[in-house]
């Protein structure tokens, strides 16, 4: 189990370095790091505000089905994002065809 924890830490550190070094070039599901960070407050417990127009604009260009693979991931919680709240954002932004995961 300790080896698994070390692997997770190494992966997370690698992701953090990649994001820090190349934030403008990094995209997840066709959303830039800036777009993702614009959505973070709306997906952070306990009392998230509604998503901003910047967040919704970024989501409008995203591959929403792609986000389904992050639904049960440890990546989102590691940066303070609640996956359940994050999955509600397309509907809150009134985007057509929100994903059903």
PDB file of N, CA and C in Angstrom:
ATOM      1  N   UNK A   1       0.822  -1.184   0.000  1.00  0.00           N
ATOM      2  CA  UNK A   1       0.000   0.000   0.000  1.00  0.00           C
ATOM      3  C   UNK A   1       0.873   1.257   0.000  1.00  0.00           C
ATOM      4  N   UNK A   2       2.010   1.199   0.665  1.00  0.00           N
ATOM      5  CA  UNK A   2       2.909   2.330   0.704  1.00  0.00           C
ATOM      6  C   UNK A   2       3.445   2.642  -0.695  1.00  0.00           C
ATOM      7  N   UNK A   3       3.714   1.615  -1.480  1.00  0.00           N
ATOM      8  CA  UNK A   3       4.197   1.811  -2.850  1.00  0.00           C
ATOM      9  C   UNK A   3       3.137   2.520  -3.690  1.00  0.00           C
ATOM     10  N   UNK A   4       1.873   2.184  -3.480  1.00  0.00           N
ATOM     11  CA  UNK A   4       0.784   2.832  -4.210  1.00  0.00           C
ATOM     12  C   UNK A   4       0.711   4.308  -3.852  1.00  0.00           C
ATOM     13  N   UNK A   5       0.854   4.623  -2.578  1.00  0.00           N
ATOM     14  CA  UNK A   5       0.838   6.022  -2.147  1.00  0.00           C
ATOM     15  C   UNK A   5       1.984   6.801  -2.779  1.00  0.00           C
ATOM     16  N   UNK A   6       3.144   6.192  -2.870  1.00  0.00           N
ATOM     17  CA  UNK A   6       4.292   6.854  -3.481  1.00  0.00           C
ATOM     18  C   UNK A   6       4.039   7.119  -4.959  1.00  0.00           C
ATOM     19  N   UNK A   7       3.419   6.152  -5.639  1.00  0.00           N
ATOM     20  CA  UNK A   7       3.104   6.330  -7.062  1.00  0.00           C
ATOM     21  C   UNK A   7       2.140   7.489  -7.249  1.00  0.00           C
ATOM     22  N   UNK A   8       1.119   7.558  -6.414  1.00  0.00           N
ATOM     23  CA  UNK A   8       0.139   8.638  -6.499  1.00  0.00           C
ATOM     24  C   UNK A   8       0.815   9.983  -6.277  1.00  0.00           C
ATOM     25  N   UNK A   9       1.683  10.055  -5.288  1.00  0.00           N
ATOM     26  CA  UNK A   9       2.384  11.304  -5.001  1.00  0.00           C
ATOM     27  C   UNK A   9       3.260  11.703  -6.176  1.00  0.00           C
ATOM     28  N   UNK A  10       3.974  10.754  -6.764  1.00  0.00           N
ATOM     29  CA  UNK A  10       4.830  11.053  -7.909  1.00  0.00           C
ATOM     30  C   UNK A  10       3.994  11.546  -9.087  1.00  0.00           C
ATOM     31  N   UNK A  11       2.858  10.909  -9.336  1.00  0.00           N
ATOM     32  CA  UNK A  11       1.987  11.325 -10.435  1.00  0.00           C
ATOM     33  C   UNK A  11       1.453  12.732 -10.187  1.00  0.00           C
ATOM     34  N   UNK A  12       0.978  12.997  -8.971  1.00  0.00           N
ATOM     35  CA  UNK A  12       0.458  14.325  -8.655  1.00  0.00           C
ATOM     36  C   UNK A  12       1.538  15.394  -8.763  1.00  0.00           C
ATOM     37  N   UNK A  13       2.726  15.090  -8.273  1.00  0.00           N
ATOM     38  CA  UNK A  13       3.822  16.051  -8.403  1.00  0.00           C
ATOM     39  C   UNK A  13       4.146  16.312  -9.867  1.00  0.00           C
ATOM     40  N   UNK A  14       4.133  15.265 -10.674  1.00  0.00           N
ATOM     41  CA  UNK A  14       4.371  15.426 -12.105  1.00  0.00           C
ATOM     42  C   UNK A  14       3.324  16.309 -12.750  1.00  0.00           C
ATOM     43  N   UNK A  15       2.066  16.100 -12.380  1.00  0.00           N
ATOM     44  CA  UNK A  15       0.997  16.937 -12.915  1.00  0.00           C
ATOM     45  C   UNK A  15       1.159  18.393 -12.479  1.00  0.00           C
ATOM     46  N   UNK A  16       1.512  18.598 -11.221  1.00  0.00           N
ATOM     47  CA  UNK A  16       1.685  19.960 -10.724  1.00  0.00           C
ATOM     48  C   UNK A  16       2.831  20.667 -11.446  1.00  0.00           C
ATOM     49  N   UNK A  17       3.928  19.955 -11.680  1.00  0.00           N
ATOM     50  CA  UNK A  17       5.058  20.543 -12.396  1.00  0.00           C
ATOM     51  C   UNK A  17       4.651  20.869 -13.831  1.00  0.00           C
ATOM     52  N   UNK A  18       3.956  19.951 -14.470  1.00  0.00           N
ATOM     53  CA  UNK A  18       3.526  20.185 -15.852  1.00  0.00           C
ATOM     54  C   UNK A  18       2.593  21.387 -15.935  1.00  0.00           C
ATOM     55  N   UNK A  19       1.695  21.502 -14.982  1.00  0.00           N
ATOM     56  CA  UNK A  19       0.760  22.623 -14.985  1.00  0.00           C
ATOM     57  C   UNK A  19       1.501  23.922 -14.706  1.00  0.00           C
ATOM     58  N   UNK A  20       2.402  23.912 -13.731  1.00  0.00           N
ATOM     59  CA  UNK A  20       3.146  25.121 -13.379  1.00  0.00           C
ATOM     60  C   UNK A  20       4.049  25.582 -14.520  1.00  0.00           C
ATOM     61  N   UNK A  21       4.684  24.653 -15.193  1.00  0.00           N
ATOM     62  CA  UNK A  21       5.618  25.009 -16.265  1.00  0.00           C
ATOM     63  C   UNK A  21       4.914  25.455 -17.537  1.00  0.00           C
ATOM     64  N   UNK A  22       3.819  24.833 -17.819  1.00  0.00           N
ATOM     65  CA  UNK A  22       3.202  25.034 -19.131  1.00  0.00           C
ATOM     66  C   UNK A  22       1.708  25.296 -18.996  1.00  0.00           C
ATOM     67  N   UNK A  23       1.320  26.149 -18.082  1.00  0.00           N
ATOM     68  CA  UNK A  23      -0.100  26.361 -17.787  1.00  0.00           C
ATOM     69  C   UNK A  23      -0.894  26.772 -19.020  1.00  0.00           C
ATOM     70  N   UNK A  24      -0.335  27.622 -19.858  1.00  0.00           N
ATOM     71  CA  UNK A  24      -1.072  28.072 -21.030  1.00  0.00           C
ATOM     72  C   UNK A  24      -1.242  26.960 -22.063  1.00  0.00           C
ATOM     73  N   UNK A  25      -0.297  26.046 -22.119  1.00  0.00           N
ATOM     74  CA  UNK A  25      -0.340  24.988 -23.123  1.00  0.00           C
ATOM     75  C   UNK A  25      -1.146  23.783 -22.658  1.00  0.00           C
ATOM     76  N   UNK A  26      -1.357  23.637 -21.354  1.00  0.00           N
ATOM     77  CA  UNK A  26      -2.058  22.475 -20.829  1.00  0.00           C
ATOM     78  C   UNK A  26      -3.554  22.603 -21.058  1.00  0.00           C
ATOM     79  N   UNK A  27      -4.140  21.521 -21.508  1.00  0.00           N
ATOM     80  CA  UNK A  27      -5.589  21.469 -21.622  1.00  0.00           C
ATOM     81  C   UNK A  27      -6.063  20.125 -21.088  1.00  0.00           C
ATOM     82  N   UNK A  28      -7.219  20.147 -20.528  1.00  0.00           N
ATOM     83  CA  UNK A  28      -7.887  18.926 -20.100  1.00  0.00           C
ATOM     84  C   UNK A  28      -9.272  18.974 -20.712  1.00  0.00           C
ATOM     85  N   UNK A  29      -9.564  17.994 -21.521  1.00  0.00           N
ATOM     86  CA  UNK A  29     -10.872  17.902 -22.185  1.00  0.00           C
ATOM     87  C   UNK A  29     -11.198  19.182 -22.961  1.00  0.00           C
ATOM     88  N   UNK A  30     -10.193  19.730 -23.613  1.00  0.00           N
ATOM     89  CA  UNK A  30     -10.305  20.944 -24.425  1.00  0.00           C
ATOM     90  C   UNK A  30     -10.544  22.209 -23.614  1.00  0.00           C
ATOM     91  N   UNK A  31     -10.254  22.175 -22.317  1.00  0.00           N
ATOM     92  CA  UNK A  31     -10.312  23.381 -21.486  1.00  0.00           C
ATOM     93  C   UNK A  31      -8.899  23.729 -21.055  1.00  0.00           C
ATOM     94  N   UNK A  32      -8.562  25.004 -21.138  1.00  0.00           N
ATOM     95  CA  UNK A  32      -7.245  25.443 -20.696  1.00  0.00           C
ATOM     96  C   UNK A  32      -7.199  25.450 -19.180  1.00  0.00           C
ATOM     97  N   UNK A  33      -6.007  25.538 -18.664  1.00  0.00           N
ATOM     98  CA  UNK A  33      -5.822  25.630 -17.221  1.00  0.00           C
ATOM     99  C   UNK A  33      -6.563  26.855 -16.670  1.00  0.00           C
ATOM    100  N   UNK A  34      -6.503  27.979 -17.398  1.00  0.00           N
ATOM    101  CA  UNK A  34      -7.195  29.202 -16.961  1.00  0.00           C
ATOM    102  C   UNK A  34      -8.705  28.979 -16.905  1.00  0.00           C
ATOM    103  N   UNK A  35      -9.248  28.278 -17.916  1.00  0.00           N
ATOM    104  CA  UNK A  35     -10.687  27.977 -17.914  1.00  0.00           C
ATOM    105  C   UNK A  35     -11.055  27.096 -16.729  1.00  0.00           C
ATOM    106  N   UNK A  36     -10.218  26.094 -16.468  1.00  0.00           N
ATOM    107  CA  UNK A  36     -10.470  25.197 -15.341  1.00  0.00           C
ATOM    108  C   UNK A  36     -10.447  25.956 -14.022  1.00  0.00           C
ATOM    109  N   UNK A  37      -9.477  26.845 -13.867  1.00  0.00           N
ATOM    110  CA  UNK A  37      -9.374  27.615 -12.628  1.00  0.00           C
ATOM    111  C   UNK A  37     -10.538  28.596 -12.479  1.00  0.00           C
ATOM    112  N   UNK A  38     -11.091  29.062 -13.604  1.00  0.00           N
ATOM    113  CA  UNK A  38     -12.263  29.947 -13.540  1.00  0.00           C
ATOM    114  C   UNK A  38     -13.477  29.191 -13.000  1.00  0.00           C
ATOM    115  N   UNK A  39     -13.502  27.877 -13.206  1.00  0.00           N
ATOM    116  CA  UNK A  39     -14.616  27.048 -12.738  1.00  0.00           C
ATOM    117  C   UNK A  39     -14.409  26.512 -11.325  1.00  0.00           C
ATOM    118  N   UNK A  40     -13.191  26.580 -10.840  1.00  0.00           N
ATOM    119  CA  UNK A  40     -12.891  25.970  -9.543  1.00  0.00           C
ATOM    120  C   UNK A  40     -13.779  26.479  -8.408  1.00  0.00           C
ATOM    121  N   UNK A  41     -14.005  27.792  -8.245  1.00  0.00           N
ATOM    122  CA  UNK A  41     -14.850  28.233  -7.125  1.00  0.00           C
ATOM    123  C   UNK A  41     -16.254  27.613  -7.154  1.00  0.00           C
ATOM    124  N   UNK A  42     -16.796  27.419  -8.348  1.00  0.00           N
ATOM    125  CA  UNK A  42     -18.151  26.871  -8.477  1.00  0.00           C
ATOM    126  C   UNK A  42     -18.206  25.373  -8.207  1.00  0.00           C
ATOM    127  N   UNK A  43     -17.055  24.751  -8.040  1.00  0.00           N
ATOM    128  CA  UNK A  43     -17.010  23.310  -7.773  1.00  0.00           C
ATOM    129  C   UNK A  43     -16.239  23.001  -6.496  1.00  0.00           C
ATOM    130  N   UNK A  44     -16.123  24.014  -5.636  1.00  0.00           N
ATOM    131  CA  UNK A  44     -15.404  23.841  -4.378  1.00  0.00           C
ATOM    132  C   UNK A  44     -16.378  23.942  -3.211  1.00  0.00           C
ATOM    133  N   UNK A  45     -16.467  22.892  -2.402  1.00  0.00           N
ATOM    134  CA  UNK A  45     -17.374  22.923  -1.254  1.00  0.00           C
ATOM    135  C   UNK A  45     -16.885  23.910  -0.186  1.00  0.00           C
ATOM    136  N   UNK A  46     -17.692  24.309   0.754  1.00  0.00           N
ATOM    137  CA  UNK A  46     -19.020  23.781   1.044  1.00  0.00           C
ATOM    138  C   UNK A  46     -20.152  24.571   0.379  1.00  0.00           C
ATOM    139  N   UNK A  47     -19.954  25.850   0.099  1.00  0.00           N
ATOM    140  CA  UNK A  47     -21.024  26.676  -0.477  1.00  0.00           C
ATOM    141  C   UNK A  47     -20.541  27.345  -1.748  1.00  0.00           C
ATOM    142  N   UNK A  48     -20.487  26.604  -2.853  1.00  0.00           N
ATOM    143  CA  UNK A  48     -19.938  27.184  -4.079  1.00  0.00           C
ATOM    144  C   UNK A  48     -20.879  28.231  -4.681  1.00  0.00           C
ATOM    145  N   UNK A  49     -20.302  29.299  -5.236  1.00  0.00           N
ATOM    146  CA  UNK A  49     -21.116  30.281  -5.942  1.00  0.00           C
ATOM    147  C   UNK A  49     -21.523  29.721  -7.301  1.00  0.00           C
ATOM    148  N   UNK A  50     -22.463  30.361  -7.973  1.00  0.00           N
ATOM    149  CA  UNK A  50     -22.794  29.923  -9.335  1.00  0.00           C
ATOM    150  C   UNK A  50     -21.572  30.080 -10.244  1.00  0.00           C
ATOM    151  N   UNK A  51     -21.502  29.297 -11.312  1.00  0.00           N
ATOM    152  CA  UNK A  51     -20.359  29.440 -12.229  1.00  0.00           C
ATOM    153  C   UNK A  51     -20.377  30.811 -12.898  1.00  0.00           C
ATOM    154  N   UNK A  52     -19.196  31.342 -13.119  1.00  0.00           N
ATOM    155  CA  UNK A  52     -19.073  32.646 -13.778  1.00  0.00           C
ATOM    156  C   UNK A  52     -19.269  32.501 -15.278  1.00  0.00           C
ATOM    157  N   UNK A  53     -19.418  33.620 -15.949  1.00  0.00           N
ATOM    158  CA  UNK A  53     -19.544  33.580 -17.410  1.00  0.00           C
ATOM    159  C   UNK A  53     -18.255  33.071 -18.046  1.00  0.00           C
ATOM    160  N   UNK A  54     -17.108  33.365 -17.440  1.00  0.00           N
ATOM    161  CA  UNK A  54     -15.819  32.876 -17.956  1.00  0.00           C
ATOM    162  C   UNK A  54     -15.778  31.351 -17.863  1.00  0.00           C
ATOM    163  N   UNK A  55     -16.228  30.814 -16.739  1.00  0.00           N
ATOM    164  CA  UNK A  55     -16.283  29.364 -16.562  1.00  0.00           C
ATOM    165  C   UNK A  55     -17.200  28.746 -17.615  1.00  0.00           C
ATOM    166  N   UNK A  56     -18.392  29.289 -17.757  1.00  0.00           N
ATOM    167  CA  UNK A  56     -19.362  28.731 -18.705  1.00  0.00           C
ATOM    168  C   UNK A  56     -18.862  28.835 -20.145  1.00  0.00           C
ATOM    169  N   UNK A  57     -18.169  29.920 -20.459  1.00  0.00           N
ATOM    170  CA  UNK A  57     -17.600  30.067 -21.801  1.00  0.00           C
ATOM    171  C   UNK A  57     -16.567  28.982 -22.053  1.00  0.00           C
ATOM    172  N   UNK A  58     -15.708  28.723 -21.074  1.00  0.00           N
ATOM    173  CA  UNK A  58     -14.719  27.655 -21.212  1.00  0.00           C
ATOM    174  C   UNK A  58     -15.374  26.301 -21.352  1.00  0.00           C
ATOM    175  N   UNK A  59     -16.410  26.051 -20.566  1.00  0.00           N
ATOM    176  CA  UNK A  59     -17.129  24.775 -20.652  1.00  0.00           C
ATOM    177  C   UNK A  59     -17.822  24.601 -21.999  1.00  0.00           C
ATOM    178  N   UNK A  60     -18.229  25.710 -22.607  1.00  0.00           N
ATOM    179  CA  UNK A  60     -18.943  25.607 -23.884  1.00  0.00           C
ATOM    180  C   UNK A  60     -18.048  25.045 -24.991  1.00  0.00           C
ATOM    181  N   UNK A  61     -16.735  25.131 -24.819  1.00  0.00           N
ATOM    182  CA  UNK A  61     -15.791  24.608 -25.810  1.00  0.00           C
ATOM    183  C   UNK A  61     -15.201  23.266 -25.388  1.00  0.00           C
ATOM    184  N   UNK A  62     -15.591  22.797 -24.230  1.00  0.00           N
ATOM    185  CA  UNK A  62     -14.999  21.583 -23.673  1.00  0.00           C
ATOM    186  C   UNK A  62     -15.635  20.323 -24.254  1.00  0.00           C
ATOM    187  N   UNK A  63     -14.879  19.251 -24.170  1.00  0.00           N
ATOM    188  CA  UNK A  63     -15.386  17.915 -24.497  1.00  0.00           C
ATOM    189  C   UNK A  63     -16.011  17.385 -23.206  1.00  0.00           C
ATOM    190  N   UNK A  64     -17.310  17.594 -23.050  1.00  0.00           N
ATOM    191  CA  UNK A  64     -17.975  17.282 -21.789  1.00  0.00           C
ATOM    192  C   UNK A  64     -17.966  15.796 -21.464  1.00  0.00           C
ATOM    193  N   UNK A  65     -18.061  14.946 -22.464  1.00  0.00           N
ATOM    194  CA  UNK A  65     -17.997  13.501 -22.221  1.00  0.00           C
ATOM    195  C   UNK A  65     -16.637  13.109 -21.641  1.00  0.00           C
ATOM    196  N   UNK A  66     -15.603  13.819 -22.052  1.00  0.00           N
ATOM    197  CA  UNK A  66     -14.250  13.550 -21.565  1.00  0.00           C
ATOM    198  C   UNK A  66     -14.172  13.703 -20.050  1.00  0.00           C
ATOM    199  N   UNK A  67     -14.925  14.632 -19.497  1.00  0.00           N
ATOM    200  CA  UNK A  67     -14.880  14.864 -18.057  1.00  0.00           C
ATOM    201  C   UNK A  67     -15.425  13.688 -17.255  1.00  0.00           C
ATOM    202  N   UNK A  68     -16.190  12.822 -17.882  1.00  0.00           N
ATOM    203  CA  UNK A  68     -16.727  11.662 -17.170  1.00  0.00           C
ATOM    204  C   UNK A  68     -15.618  10.795 -16.588  1.00  0.00           C
ATOM    205  N   UNK A  69     -14.473  10.732 -17.275  1.00  0.00           N
ATOM    206  CA  UNK A  69     -13.393   9.883 -16.758  1.00  0.00           C
ATOM    207  C   UNK A  69     -12.744  10.478 -15.513  1.00  0.00           C
ATOM    208  N   UNK A  70     -13.010  11.742 -15.214  1.00  0.00           N
ATOM    209  CA  UNK A  70     -12.479  12.374 -14.012  1.00  0.00           C
ATOM    210  C   UNK A  70     -13.466  12.322 -12.850  1.00  0.00           C
ATOM    211  N   UNK A  71     -14.644  11.800 -13.099  1.00  0.00           N
ATOM    212  CA  UNK A  71     -15.706  11.774 -12.093  1.00  0.00           C
ATOM    213  C   UNK A  71     -15.275  11.076 -10.808  1.00  0.00           C
ATOM    214  N   UNK A  72     -14.599   9.954 -10.919  1.00  0.00           N
ATOM    215  CA  UNK A  72     -14.160   9.199  -9.753  1.00  0.00           C
ATOM    216  C   UNK A  72     -12.656   9.280  -9.531  1.00  0.00           C
ATOM    217  N   UNK A  73     -12.022  10.238 -10.154  1.00  0.00           N
ATOM    218  CA  UNK A  73     -10.579  10.402 -10.067  1.00  0.00           C
ATOM    219  C   UNK A  73     -10.186  11.096  -8.762  1.00  0.00           C
ATOM    220  N   UNK A  74      -8.970  10.851  -8.341  1.00  0.00           N
ATOM    221  CA  UNK A  74      -8.442  11.546  -7.168  1.00  0.00           C
ATOM    222  C   UNK A  74      -7.805  12.879  -7.543  1.00  0.00           C
ATOM    223  N   UNK A  75      -7.702  13.150  -8.834  1.00  0.00           N
ATOM    224  CA  UNK A  75      -7.064  14.383  -9.284  1.00  0.00           C
ATOM    225  C   UNK A  75      -7.865  15.607  -8.866  1.00  0.00           C
ATOM    226  N   UNK A  76      -9.167  15.605  -9.112  1.00  0.00           N
ATOM    227  CA  UNK A  76      -9.983  16.774  -8.775  1.00  0.00           C
ATOM    228  C   UNK A  76      -9.976  17.071  -7.281  1.00  0.00           C
ATOM    229  N   UNK A  77     -10.237  16.089  -6.425  1.00  0.00           N
ATOM    230  CA  UNK A  77     -10.183  16.385  -4.995  1.00  0.00           C
ATOM    231  C   UNK A  77      -8.807  16.876  -4.525  1.00  0.00           C
ATOM    232  N   UNK A  78      -7.749  16.437  -5.196  1.00  0.00           N
ATOM    233  CA  UNK A  78      -6.404  16.860  -4.782  1.00  0.00           C
ATOM    234  C   UNK A  78      -6.182  18.352  -5.017  1.00  0.00           C
ATOM    235  N   UNK A  79      -6.968  18.967  -5.902  1.00  0.00           N
ATOM    236  CA  UNK A  79      -6.850  20.414  -6.117  1.00  0.00           C
ATOM    237  C   UNK A  79      -8.033  21.169  -5.512  1.00  0.00           C
ATOM    238  N   UNK A  80      -8.805  20.479  -4.668  1.00  0.00           N
ATOM    239  CA  UNK A  80      -9.896  21.132  -3.945  1.00  0.00           C
ATOM    240  C   UNK A  80     -11.224  21.173  -4.674  1.00  0.00           C
ATOM    241  N   UNK A  81     -11.367  20.395  -5.734  1.00  0.00           N
ATOM    242  CA  UNK A  81     -12.601  20.385  -6.523  1.00  0.00           C
ATOM    243  C   UNK A  81     -13.416  19.147  -6.176  1.00  0.00           C
ATOM    244  N   UNK A  82     -14.693  19.340  -5.915  1.00  0.00           N
ATOM    245  CA  UNK A  82     -15.613  18.242  -5.647  1.00  0.00           C
ATOM    246  C   UNK A  82     -16.123  17.727  -6.997  1.00  0.00           C
ATOM    247  N   UNK A  83     -15.824  16.483  -7.359  1.00  0.00           N
ATOM    248  CA  UNK A  83     -16.256  15.959  -8.660  1.00  0.00           C
ATOM    249  C   UNK A  83     -17.771  16.035  -8.877  1.00  0.00           C
ATOM    250  N   UNK A  84     -18.556  15.821  -7.825  1.00  0.00           N
ATOM    251  CA  UNK A  84     -20.016  15.908  -7.973  1.00  0.00           C
ATOM    252  C   UNK A  84     -20.442  17.323  -8.338  1.00  0.00           C
ATOM    253  N   UNK A  85     -19.846  18.308  -7.693  1.00  0.00           N
ATOM    254  CA  UNK A  85     -20.161  19.700  -8.026  1.00  0.00           C
ATOM    255  C   UNK A  85     -19.679  20.044  -9.431  1.00  0.00           C
ATOM    256  N   UNK A  86     -18.511  19.541  -9.789  1.00  0.00           N
ATOM    257  CA  UNK A  86     -17.961  19.809 -11.124  1.00  0.00           C
ATOM    258  C   UNK A  86     -18.865  19.246 -12.213  1.00  0.00           C
ATOM    259  N   UNK A  87     -19.429  18.068 -11.980  1.00  0.00           N
ATOM    260  CA  UNK A  87     -20.294  17.445 -12.987  1.00  0.00           C
ATOM    261  C   UNK A  87     -21.619  18.193 -13.143  1.00  0.00           C
ATOM    262  N   UNK A  88     -21.958  19.057 -12.196  1.00  0.00           N
ATOM    263  CA  UNK A  88     -23.193  19.845 -12.281  1.00  0.00           C
ATOM    264  C   UNK A  88     -23.006  21.140 -13.073  1.00  0.00           C
ATOM    265  N   UNK A  89     -21.772  21.525 -13.320  1.00  0.00           N
ATOM    266  CA  UNK A  89     -21.502  22.807 -13.960  1.00  0.00           C
ATOM    267  C   UNK A  89     -22.102  22.953 -15.359  1.00  0.00           C
ATOM    268  N   UNK A  90     -22.022  21.949 -16.244  1.00  0.00           N
ATOM    269  CA  UNK A  90     -22.632  22.139 -17.566  1.00  0.00           C
ATOM    270  C   UNK A  90     -24.130  22.451 -17.478  1.00  0.00           C
ATOM    271  N   UNK A  91     -24.816  21.785 -16.578  1.00  0.00           N
ATOM    272  CA  UNK A  91     -26.250  22.047 -16.415  1.00  0.00           C
ATOM    273  C   UNK A  91     -26.474  23.455 -15.836  1.00  0.00           C
ATOM    274  N   UNK A  92     -25.650  23.840 -14.865  1.00  0.00           N
ATOM    275  CA  UNK A  92     -25.776  25.174 -14.266  1.00  0.00           C
ATOM    276  C   UNK A  92     -25.455  26.272 -15.276  1.00  0.00           C
ATOM    277  N   UNK A  93     -24.594  25.964 -16.241  1.00  0.00           N
ATOM    278  CA  UNK A  93     -24.266  26.906 -17.311  1.00  0.00           C
ATOM    279  C   UNK A  93     -25.283  26.858 -18.451  1.00  0.00           C
ATOM    280  N   UNK A  94     -26.270  25.999 -18.304  1.00  0.00           N
ATOM    281  CA  UNK A  94     -27.321  25.828 -19.314  1.00  0.00           C
ATOM    282  C   UNK A  94     -26.764  25.446 -20.681  1.00  0.00           C
ATOM    283  N   UNK A  95     -25.765  24.559 -20.655  1.00  0.00           N
ATOM    284  CA  UNK A  95     -25.176  24.070 -21.894  1.00  0.00           C
ATOM    285  C   UNK A  95     -26.045  22.947 -22.447  1.00  0.00           C
ATOM    286  N   UNK A  96     -26.189  22.902 -23.761  1.00  0.00           N
ATOM    287  CA  UNK A  96     -26.979  21.802 -24.337  1.00  0.00           C
ATOM    288  C   UNK A  96     -26.239  20.477 -24.197  1.00  0.00           C
ATOM    289  N   UNK A  97     -26.970  19.442 -23.976  1.00  0.00           N
ATOM    290  CA  UNK A  97     -26.453  18.085 -23.908  1.00  0.00           C
ATOM    291  C   UNK A  97     -25.387  17.881 -22.835  1.00  0.00           C
ATOM    292  N   UNK A  98     -25.711  18.219 -21.565  1.00  0.00           N
ATOM    293  CA  UNK A  98     -24.719  17.929 -20.526  1.00  0.00           C
ATOM    294  C   UNK A  98     -24.478  16.424 -20.462  1.00  0.00           C
ATOM    295  N   UNK A  99     -23.274  16.033 -20.108  1.00  0.00           N
ATOM    296  CA  UNK A  99     -22.958  14.594 -20.114  1.00  0.00           C
ATOM    297  C   UNK A  99     -23.724  13.835 -19.038  1.00  0.00           C
ATOM    298  N   UNK A 100     -24.033  12.606 -19.360  1.00  0.00           N
ATOM    299  CA  UNK A 100     -24.599  11.700 -18.367  1.00  0.00           C
ATOM    300  C   UNK A 100     -23.565  10.595 -18.185  1.00  0.00           C
ATOM    301  N   UNK A 101     -22.945  10.591 -17.052  1.00  0.00           N
ATOM    302  CA  UNK A 101     -21.879   9.635 -16.776  1.00  0.00           C
ATOM    303  C   UNK A 101     -22.382   8.497 -15.912  1.00  0.00           C
TER     304      UNK A 101
END
